[in-house]
């Protein structure tokens, strides 16, 4: 009696190869120092930013996009809800050639008394919310090995 599986065992074997993906996902968080914390506070109580922020929840998507030399976080309706600080914008601007998707992780409640006295007179509301966000970006494997822990920009 002949083994019907013998031809499978006698066929040449091709070794399995695994080539690493050319890119990996890297998480980037925006810290409070990366956000222009008074952005919504400088808007009138009737400004749509406050309504847009009130309708957002943790887990909702935002998009980081250019507005001149500034970077603005917008909701799904393209309404601005936050802005990056000048220092964070300087780091992110070279990488923001197209809108970058972010996810809201949490919210902070900012009060006018949190601002330094010299800036309080520019605020138009006593308190407002601000989103804290993260993103996942595809990063080239060769650049992923570099230590970028000191920077929140890609």
Foldseek 3Di string as FASTA:
>chain_A
DDDPCVVVVPDDDDDDDDDDDQWDKDKFWQDPLFWPVCPVQLDAPPDCLQVVVVPDDFFAKWKWADDDLWTFTAHPVRHGNTTTDNVNSVQAVVVPPDIFMKTFHDKDKDALVNDPPVCSVSGNDGIGIHTIIMGIDIDGPVVVVDDPVVDSYD
